Amino acid sequence: MDGCGGNMNAESGAFNSPGYPYINYDDYLSCTWHIEVPSGYAVLLTINELTTEECCDYLIVFDSNTKQNELTR
């Protein structure tokens, strides 16, 4: 299965796990997306569907490139 993650800097876009919605992702898959907008702009993150395994999966959103600015987990 292909990896996932990358950089987004367009005015709009979408991303999901590899194979979605037809196949489940591999165990231990780690996806990191960096979303950049010009100064003075904001990111609107809309999650349409999120299914996780309580034991193992999570989503973390940061405001910046450092883990010190965690917004949600």
C-alpha atoms as a PDB file:
ATOM      1  CA  MET A   1       0.000   0.000   0.000  1.00  0.00           C
ATOM      2  CA  ASP A   2       1.262   3.475  -0.784  1.00  0.00           C
ATOM      3  CA  GLY A   3       2.332   5.767   2.017  1.00  0.00           C
ATOM      4  CA  CYS A   4       0.459   8.896   2.849  1.00  0.00           C
ATOM      5  CA  GLY A   5       1.054  12.440   3.925  1.00  0.00           C
ATOM      6  CA  GLY A   6       2.595  15.409   2.220  1.00  0.00           C
ATOM      7  CA  ASN A   7       2.316  19.142   1.775  1.00  0.00           C
ATOM      8  CA  MET A   8      -0.766  21.115   0.788  1.00  0.00           C
ATOM      9  CA  ASN A   9      -0.623  24.780  -0.164  1.00  0.00           C
ATOM     10  CA  ALA A  10      -3.496  25.230  -2.612  1.00  0.00           C
ATOM     11  CA  GLU A  11      -6.625  27.291  -1.948  1.00  0.00           C
ATOM     12  CA  SER A  12      -8.581  24.073  -1.360  1.00  0.00           C
ATOM     13  CA  GLY A  13      -7.937  20.368  -1.248  1.00  0.00           C
ATOM     14  CA  ALA A  14      -8.787  17.027   0.284  1.00  0.00           C
ATOM     15  CA  PHE A  15      -6.877  14.071   1.659  1.00  0.00           C
ATOM     16  CA  ASN A  16      -7.614  10.638   3.080  1.00  0.00           C
ATOM     17  CA  SER A  17      -5.880   7.413   4.021  1.00  0.00           C
ATOM     18  CA  PRO A  18      -4.575   5.202   1.206  1.00  0.00           C
ATOM     19  CA  GLY A  19      -7.250   3.010  -0.343  1.00  0.00           C
ATOM     20  CA  TYR A  20     -10.161   4.872   1.261  1.00  0.00           C
ATOM     21  CA  PRO A  21     -13.042   4.033   1.070  1.00  0.00           C
ATOM     22  CA  TYR A  22     -12.506   0.633  -0.521  1.00  0.00           C
ATOM     23  CA  ILE A  23      -9.805  -0.954   1.645  1.00  0.00           C
ATOM     24  CA  ASN A  24      -8.553  -0.503   5.197  1.00  0.00           C
ATOM     25  CA  TYR A  25      -5.183   1.079   5.765  1.00  0.00           C
ATOM     26  CA  ASP A  26      -2.188  -0.971   6.897  1.00  0.00           C
ATOM     27  CA  ASP A  27      -1.330  -1.432  10.577  1.00  0.00           C
ATOM     28  CA  TYR A  28       1.162   1.104  11.941  1.00  0.00           C
ATOM     29  CA  LEU A  29       0.459   3.552   9.113  1.00  0.00           C
ATOM     30  CA  SER A  30       1.582   7.069   9.986  1.00  0.00           C
ATOM     31  CA  CYS A  31       0.312   9.987   7.910  1.00  0.00           C
ATOM     32  CA  THR A  32       1.472  13.572   8.378  1.00  0.00           C
ATOM     33  CA  TRP A  33      -0.016  16.407   6.347  1.00  0.00           C
ATOM     34  CA  HIS A  34       1.454  19.915   6.389  1.00  0.00           C
ATOM     35  CA  ILE A  35      -1.092  22.540   5.347  1.00  0.00           C
ATOM     36  CA  GLU A  36       0.255  26.024   4.606  1.00  0.00           C
ATOM     37  CA  VAL A  37      -1.614  29.219   3.838  1.00  0.00           C
ATOM     38  CA  PRO A  38      -0.323  32.742   3.246  1.00  0.00           C
ATOM     39  CA  SER A  39       0.015  35.092   6.199  1.00  0.00           C
ATOM     40  CA  GLY A  40      -3.369  36.520   7.172  1.00  0.00           C
ATOM     41  CA  TYR A  41      -5.297  33.445   5.961  1.00  0.00           C
ATOM     42  CA  ALA A  42      -6.707  30.581   8.024  1.00  0.00           C
ATOM     43  CA  VAL A  43      -7.256  26.871   7.489  1.00  0.00           C
ATOM     44  CA  LEU A  44     -10.758  25.459   7.729  1.00  0.00           C
ATOM     45  CA  LEU A  45     -10.445  21.749   8.459  1.00  0.00           C
ATOM     46  CA  THR A  46     -13.671  19.818   7.882  1.00  0.00           C
ATOM     47  CA  ILE A  47     -13.734  16.140   8.807  1.00  0.00           C
ATOM     48  CA  ASN A  48     -16.495  14.354   6.911  1.00  0.00           C
ATOM     49  CA  GLU A  49     -15.803  10.853   8.211  1.00  0.00           C
ATOM     50  CA  LEU A  50     -13.382   9.526  10.808  1.00  0.00           C
ATOM     51  CA  THR A  51     -13.424   5.917  11.948  1.00  0.00           C
ATOM     52  CA  THR A  52     -10.735   4.807  14.369  1.00  0.00           C
ATOM     53  CA  GLU A  53      -9.804   1.870  16.540  1.00  0.00           C
ATOM     54  CA  GLU A  54      -9.985   3.085  20.135  1.00  0.00           C
ATOM     55  CA  CYS A  55      -6.824   1.222  21.096  1.00  0.00           C
ATOM     56  CA  CYS A  56      -4.555   2.408  18.348  1.00  0.00           C
ATOM     57  CA  ASP A  57      -5.699   5.285  16.126  1.00  0.00           C
ATOM     58  CA  TYR A  58      -5.719   9.015  16.730  1.00  0.00           C
ATOM     59  CA  LEU A  59      -5.786  12.361  15.014  1.00  0.00           C
ATOM     60  CA  ILE A  60      -3.728  15.289  16.261  1.00  0.00           C
ATOM     61  CA  VAL A  61      -4.073  18.828  14.877  1.00  0.00           C
ATOM     62  CA  PHE A  62      -1.301  21.372  15.459  1.00  0.00           C
ATOM     63  CA  ASP A  63      -1.175  25.101  14.822  1.00  0.00           C
ATOM     64  CA  SER A  64       2.332  25.491  13.369  1.00  0.00           C
ATOM     65  CA  ASN A  65       5.268  23.210  12.678  1.00  0.00           C
ATOM     66  CA  THR A  66       5.939  22.433  16.328  1.00  0.00           C
ATOM     67  CA  LYS A  67       4.260  19.923  18.585  1.00  0.00           C
ATOM     68  CA  GLN A  68       4.043  22.591  21.295  1.00  0.00           C
ATOM     69  CA  ASN A  69       0.905  24.084  19.704  1.00  0.00           C
ATOM     70  CA  GLU A  70      -1.412  21.075  19.812  1.00  0.00           C
ATOM     71  CA  LEU A  71      -5.039  22.121  19.167  1.00  0.00           C
ATOM     72  CA  THR A  72      -6.835  18.808  19.612  1.00  0.00           C
ATOM     73  CA  ARG A  73      -6.256  15.106  20.028  1.00  0.00           C
END
